[in-house]
Protein backbone atom coordinates (compact mmCIF):
# COMPACT_ATOMS: atom_id res chain seq x y z
CA MET A 1 64.36 60.54 -33.90
CA LYS A 2 65.93 58.42 -31.15
CA LYS A 3 63.49 59.84 -28.60
CA ARG A 4 60.53 59.04 -30.83
CA THR A 5 61.74 55.45 -31.37
CA LEU A 6 62.24 54.95 -27.62
CA PHE A 7 58.73 56.29 -26.92
CA LEU A 8 57.12 53.89 -29.41
CA ALA A 9 59.02 50.91 -27.94
CA LEU A 10 57.88 51.74 -24.40
CA THR A 11 54.29 52.13 -25.58
CA ALA A 12 54.37 48.68 -27.21
CA MET A 13 55.82 47.06 -24.06
CA LEU A 14 53.09 48.58 -21.88
CA ALA A 15 50.38 47.33 -24.23
CA ILE A 16 51.77 43.77 -24.09
CA ALA A 17 52.00 43.88 -20.28
CA GLY A 18 48.39 45.05 -20.05
CA THR A 19 47.20 42.17 -22.20
CA VAL A 20 49.09 39.54 -20.18
CA GLY A 21 47.75 40.91 -16.88
CA CYS A 22 44.11 40.83 -17.97
CA GLY A 23 42.19 38.45 -15.61
CA LYS A 24 38.81 36.64 -16.00
CA ASN A 25 36.99 39.56 -14.44
CA ASP A 26 38.35 41.83 -17.18
CA LEU A 27 36.79 39.78 -19.96
CA PRO A 28 33.96 41.40 -21.92
CA PRO A 29 30.50 40.33 -20.67
CA LYS A 30 29.92 38.02 -23.62
CA ALA A 31 33.12 36.05 -23.05
CA GLU A 32 32.37 35.85 -19.32
CA GLU A 33 28.95 34.30 -20.00
CA THR A 34 30.48 31.76 -22.38
CA THR A 35 33.01 30.68 -19.75
CA GLN A 36 30.31 30.22 -17.09
CA SER A 37 28.05 28.20 -19.37
CA VAL A 38 30.88 25.72 -20.03
CA GLU A 39 31.54 25.34 -16.28
CA ASN A 40 27.87 24.79 -15.35
CA PRO A 41 25.82 24.05 -18.47
CA LYS A 42 22.70 23.05 -16.50
CA GLU A 43 22.39 26.42 -14.73
CA ALA A 44 23.13 28.22 -18.00
CA SER A 45 20.57 26.37 -20.13
CA LYS A 46 17.96 26.06 -17.36
CA LYS A 47 16.25 23.18 -19.16
CA ILE A 48 15.35 20.42 -16.70
CA VAL A 49 14.32 16.97 -17.94
CA ILE A 50 12.09 15.23 -15.39
CA GLY A 51 11.24 11.54 -15.28
CA GLY A 52 8.35 9.79 -13.57
CA THR A 53 5.42 7.42 -13.90
CA SER A 54 1.91 8.44 -14.92
CA ILE A 55 1.18 8.97 -11.22
CA SER A 56 4.06 11.33 -10.59
CA LYS A 57 3.18 13.33 -13.70
CA VAL A 58 0.34 14.70 -11.58
CA TYR A 59 2.93 16.32 -9.27
CA TYR A 60 4.79 17.69 -12.27
CA ASP A 61 1.62 19.14 -13.80
CA ALA A 62 0.78 20.85 -10.49
CA ILE A 63 4.24 22.44 -10.27
CA LYS A 64 5.16 23.08 -13.92
CA ASP A 65 3.85 26.65 -14.30
CA ILE A 66 5.19 27.87 -10.95
CA PHE A 67 8.61 26.36 -11.58
CA GLU A 68 8.86 27.64 -15.14
CA ALA A 69 7.92 31.13 -13.92
CA LYS A 70 11.29 31.06 -12.12
CA GLY A 71 12.97 31.02 -15.53
CA TYR A 72 13.33 27.30 -16.19
CA GLU A 73 12.23 25.18 -19.14
CA THR A 74 11.04 21.64 -18.46
CA GLU A 75 10.33 18.38 -20.26
CA PHE A 76 8.58 15.38 -18.67
CA LYS A 77 9.37 11.80 -19.70
CA THR A 78 6.99 9.01 -18.64
CA PHE A 79 8.30 5.57 -17.65
CA ASP A 80 6.38 2.44 -16.68
CA SER A 81 7.91 1.76 -13.24
CA ASN A 82 9.82 3.49 -10.46
CA PRO A 83 13.06 1.48 -10.88
CA VAL A 84 13.16 2.50 -14.55
CA VAL A 85 12.58 6.14 -13.53
CA LEU A 86 15.58 5.98 -11.19
CA GLU A 87 17.70 4.23 -13.82
CA ALA A 88 17.01 7.07 -16.26
CA CYS A 89 18.04 9.66 -13.68
CA ALA A 90 21.18 7.78 -12.64
CA SER A 91 22.28 7.39 -16.26
CA GLY A 92 21.75 11.07 -17.09
CA GLU A 93 18.83 10.51 -19.44
CA THR A 94 16.84 12.76 -17.09
CA ASP A 95 17.95 15.38 -14.57
CA MET A 96 15.31 14.62 -11.96
CA ALA A 97 13.10 11.75 -10.80
CA LEU A 98 9.71 12.20 -9.14
CA GLY A 99 7.50 9.76 -7.24
CA GLN A 100 9.89 7.67 -5.15
CA HIS A 101 10.48 7.84 -1.42
CA LYS A 102 14.02 8.45 -0.15
CA LYS A 103 14.63 5.05 1.43
CA PHE A 104 13.57 3.31 -1.78
CA VAL A 105 16.15 5.46 -3.58
CA MET A 106 18.87 4.57 -1.06
CA SER A 107 18.05 0.88 -1.53
CA TYR A 108 18.21 1.36 -5.32
CA ASN A 109 21.65 2.99 -4.95
CA LYS A 110 22.97 0.04 -2.98
CA ASN A 111 21.66 -2.57 -5.40
CA ASN A 112 22.63 -0.74 -8.59
CA ASN A 113 25.82 1.11 -7.65
CA ALA A 114 24.01 4.40 -8.27
CA ASN A 115 24.52 7.78 -6.61
CA LEU A 116 21.11 9.43 -6.27
CA ASP A 117 19.86 11.62 -3.43
CA MET A 118 16.88 13.76 -2.42
CA ALA A 119 17.06 17.54 -2.50
CA LYS A 120 15.60 19.53 0.38
CA PRO A 121 13.11 20.63 1.45
CA TYR A 122 11.27 17.30 1.55
CA ALA A 123 7.85 17.40 -0.08
CA MET A 124 5.37 14.89 1.34
CA TYR A 125 4.72 11.33 2.38
CA THR A 126 2.05 8.77 1.60
CA GLY A 127 0.98 5.50 3.18
CA ILE A 128 0.69 1.77 2.57
CA GLY A 129 -2.50 -0.01 3.55
CA LEU A 130 -3.77 -3.56 3.77
CA TYR A 131 -6.85 -3.71 1.52
CA SER A 132 -9.37 -6.39 0.67
CA GLU A 133 -12.30 -6.57 -1.72
CA LYS A 134 -13.53 -9.81 -0.12
CA HIS A 135 -13.22 -9.23 3.63
CA SER A 136 -13.97 -6.32 5.95
CA SER A 137 -11.47 -7.29 8.65
CA THR A 138 -8.41 -9.48 9.10
CA ALA A 139 -10.49 -11.79 11.35
CA GLU A 140 -12.36 -12.86 8.21
CA PHE A 141 -9.22 -13.99 6.39
CA PRO A 142 -9.53 -17.78 5.99
CA ASP A 143 -6.81 -20.36 6.48
CA GLY A 144 -4.56 -20.33 3.44
CA ALA A 145 -5.60 -16.79 2.46
CA ARG A 146 -3.57 -15.27 -0.36
CA ILE A 147 -2.04 -11.89 0.45
CA ALA A 148 0.00 -9.80 -2.00
CA VAL A 149 2.98 -7.72 -0.90
CA MET A 150 5.52 -5.64 -2.83
CA ASN A 151 8.64 -7.46 -3.97
CA ASP A 152 11.24 -4.73 -3.45
CA ALA A 153 13.06 -5.07 -0.13
CA MET A 154 12.16 -1.72 1.42
CA ASN A 155 8.42 -1.82 0.76
CA GLU A 156 8.08 -5.56 1.36
CA ASP A 157 9.37 -4.97 4.89
CA ILE A 158 6.70 -2.29 5.50
CA ALA A 159 3.96 -4.58 4.18
CA LEU A 160 5.05 -7.50 6.36
CA ARG A 161 5.15 -5.22 9.43
CA ILE A 162 1.51 -4.32 8.74
CA LEU A 163 0.58 -8.01 8.68
CA GLU A 164 2.54 -8.60 11.88
CA SER A 165 0.83 -5.64 13.62
CA GLN A 166 -2.50 -7.38 12.92
CA GLY A 167 -1.31 -10.65 14.46
CA LEU A 168 -1.44 -12.47 11.13
CA ILE A 169 2.23 -13.47 11.09
CA LYS A 170 5.33 -13.13 13.24
CA LEU A 171 8.73 -12.01 11.91
CA ASN A 172 12.26 -12.73 13.03
CA ALA A 173 12.86 -10.06 15.69
CA ASP A 174 16.54 -9.79 14.77
CA GLN A 175 15.84 -8.90 11.14
CA LYS A 176 15.68 -5.14 10.51
CA GLN A 177 14.50 -5.46 6.91
CA ALA A 178 12.25 -8.47 6.69
CA THR A 179 11.32 -10.57 3.68
CA VAL A 180 8.98 -13.53 3.35
CA ALA A 181 11.90 -15.75 4.36
CA ASP A 182 11.90 -14.05 7.80
CA ILE A 183 8.36 -15.17 8.71
CA VAL A 184 8.81 -17.40 11.77
CA GLU A 185 5.13 -17.91 12.59
CA ASN A 186 2.24 -18.20 10.15
CA PRO A 187 -0.55 -19.96 12.09
CA LYS A 188 -3.17 -19.72 9.36
CA LYS A 189 -0.71 -20.71 6.65
CA PHE A 190 -1.26 -17.59 4.58
CA GLU A 191 0.26 -17.61 1.11
CA ILE A 192 2.30 -14.38 0.83
CA ILE A 193 2.71 -13.46 -2.83
CA GLU A 194 5.49 -11.06 -3.84
CA MET A 195 4.94 -8.83 -6.86
CA ASP A 196 5.78 -5.45 -8.38
CA GLN A 197 4.20 -2.64 -6.40
CA GLY A 198 2.18 -1.47 -9.40
CA GLN A 199 0.49 -4.88 -9.66
CA THR A 200 -0.72 -5.05 -6.05
CA VAL A 201 -3.79 -2.93 -6.74
CA THR A 202 -4.74 -4.78 -9.93
CA THR A 203 -4.60 -8.14 -8.16
CA LEU A 204 -7.05 -7.14 -5.40
CA SER A 205 -9.95 -8.95 -7.07
CA ASP A 206 -7.94 -12.18 -7.19
CA VAL A 207 -6.53 -12.35 -3.65
CA ASP A 208 -7.87 -12.13 -0.12
CA GLY A 209 -5.82 -9.05 0.64
CA ALA A 210 -2.99 -6.87 -0.66
CA CYS A 211 -0.67 -4.26 0.77
CA VAL A 212 -0.91 -1.31 -1.61
CA PHE A 213 0.43 2.23 -1.73
CA PHE A 214 -2.27 4.87 -1.25
CA THR A 215 -1.09 6.41 -4.53
CA HIS A 216 -1.81 3.24 -6.51
CA MET A 217 -5.25 2.92 -4.92
CA ALA A 218 -6.16 6.49 -5.88
CA ALA A 219 -4.73 6.13 -9.39
CA ALA A 220 -6.95 3.05 -9.88
CA GLY A 221 -10.01 5.05 -8.84
CA LYS A 222 -10.30 3.30 -5.47
CA ASP A 223 -10.72 4.84 -2.03
CA ALA A 224 -7.27 5.08 -0.44
CA SER A 225 -8.84 5.48 3.01
CA SER A 226 -10.68 2.12 2.80
CA TYR A 227 -7.79 0.12 4.24
CA ILE A 228 -8.24 -2.52 6.96
CA ALA A 229 -4.90 -1.56 8.50
CA ARG A 230 -2.07 0.78 7.55
CA ASP A 231 1.61 1.43 8.25
CA THR A 232 2.91 3.55 11.12
CA SER A 233 6.28 4.40 9.60
CA MET A 234 5.81 6.16 6.27
CA ILE A 235 6.26 9.66 7.76
CA ASN A 236 9.96 8.75 7.77
CA TYR A 237 9.88 7.90 4.06
CA PRO A 238 9.88 11.35 2.42
CA MET A 239 9.00 11.88 -1.20
CA GLY A 240 10.38 14.77 -3.22
CA VAL A 241 12.99 15.73 -5.80
CA ILE A 242 15.48 12.97 -6.69
CA VAL A 243 18.68 13.99 -8.47
CA ARG A 244 22.25 12.77 -8.87
CA LYS A 245 24.32 13.40 -5.75
CA GLU A 246 26.40 16.14 -7.37
CA GLU A 247 23.21 18.12 -8.14
CA VAL A 248 21.51 17.77 -4.73
CA ASP A 249 22.44 21.32 -3.66
CA SER A 250 21.83 22.94 -7.04
CA ASP A 251 19.61 26.01 -7.28
CA TRP A 252 17.22 24.34 -9.72
CA ALA A 253 16.68 21.23 -7.56
CA ALA A 254 15.96 23.36 -4.47
CA ALA A 255 13.66 25.62 -6.51
CA PHE A 256 11.57 22.67 -7.68
CA ALA A 257 11.44 21.19 -4.17
CA GLU A 258 10.25 24.53 -2.76
CA CYS A 259 7.29 24.45 -5.16
CA PHE A 260 5.75 21.62 -3.12
CA LYS A 261 5.26 24.16 -0.31
CA ASP A 262 2.94 26.26 -2.47
CA GLN A 263 -0.69 26.08 -1.34
CA ALA A 264 -2.02 25.93 -4.92
CA VAL A 265 0.30 23.00 -5.71
CA GLN A 266 -0.84 21.09 -2.64
CA GLU A 267 -4.50 21.71 -3.49
CA LYS A 268 -4.03 20.35 -7.03
CA ILE A 269 -2.26 17.23 -5.77
CA ASN A 270 -4.90 16.64 -3.08
CA LYS A 271 -7.67 17.06 -5.63
CA ALA A 272 -6.12 14.41 -7.87
CA PHE A 273 -5.29 12.12 -4.94
CA PRO A 274 -7.71 12.68 -2.05
CA ASN A 275 -6.65 11.25 1.34
CA VAL A 276 -3.31 10.14 -0.08
CA PHE A 277 -0.61 12.64 0.95
CA GLU A 278 0.54 14.61 3.97
CA PHE A 279 2.84 17.56 3.25
CA TYR A 280 5.79 18.26 5.52
CA THR A 281 5.94 21.58 7.33
CA SER A 282 9.54 20.91 8.36
CA ASP A 283 12.31 18.48 7.41
CA ASP A 284 12.66 17.83 11.14
CA GLN A 285 9.50 15.70 10.98
CA VAL A 286 11.55 12.99 9.30
CA LYS A 287 13.65 10.64 11.44
CA GLU A 288 16.52 9.72 9.15
């Protein structure tokens, strides 16, 4: 009887020791999956909420089927302006923002204490042109001509550099990011009107000229290649997948960014926006 009692006690002690020593890798598959989903709910659920304007929905529509074939579910939310798109992403209302170039995002971060970044690979770049529905060249611009430029710091600088390249104005050489206040010479006394980038195309009929994104020209049904002059710097302003900094190296962000390399995706985007985008073949094309 004593031997039997001792045997049962030893058996119980071994069972307890085995339970205490059981590690995470010894959990049943179901428990393991539950633990992982708590640690990284986004990868577990694979539902990605994407924000953009009506223009950037074109990119989403071109990519949706290819991206979802990788096992993801998506939802697109439309906003009325790019700053609002970035605000939604920064706040967590969406997981991703589409349609903004990287330097615009960095400027948004600085002004709004946000922490957004662009996943790699970079997708594409567009251009900004000086357009007019009244004049065929800058030589025809009269004294006091009204010219519209974008009112956000990054894009206003690009627009003013276009005007300077045409000899219409001269900017303070010491200012790296120029605004209207940095115009030091304006011989024909042009009136430079600052406005939201989305309004620059709609105001073309009311002004002598406007600096407009190619994308906005195409979205308005106008010929993006009909500019009088254009920028020389937008290749260094990549567009692509914008996410919160902590998600920039996530599998899902990289997977969506890779979709821009697909030939069918590029053809769909080019069909919707002819003469608007150039697609990167390498991230090395961008000078950060």
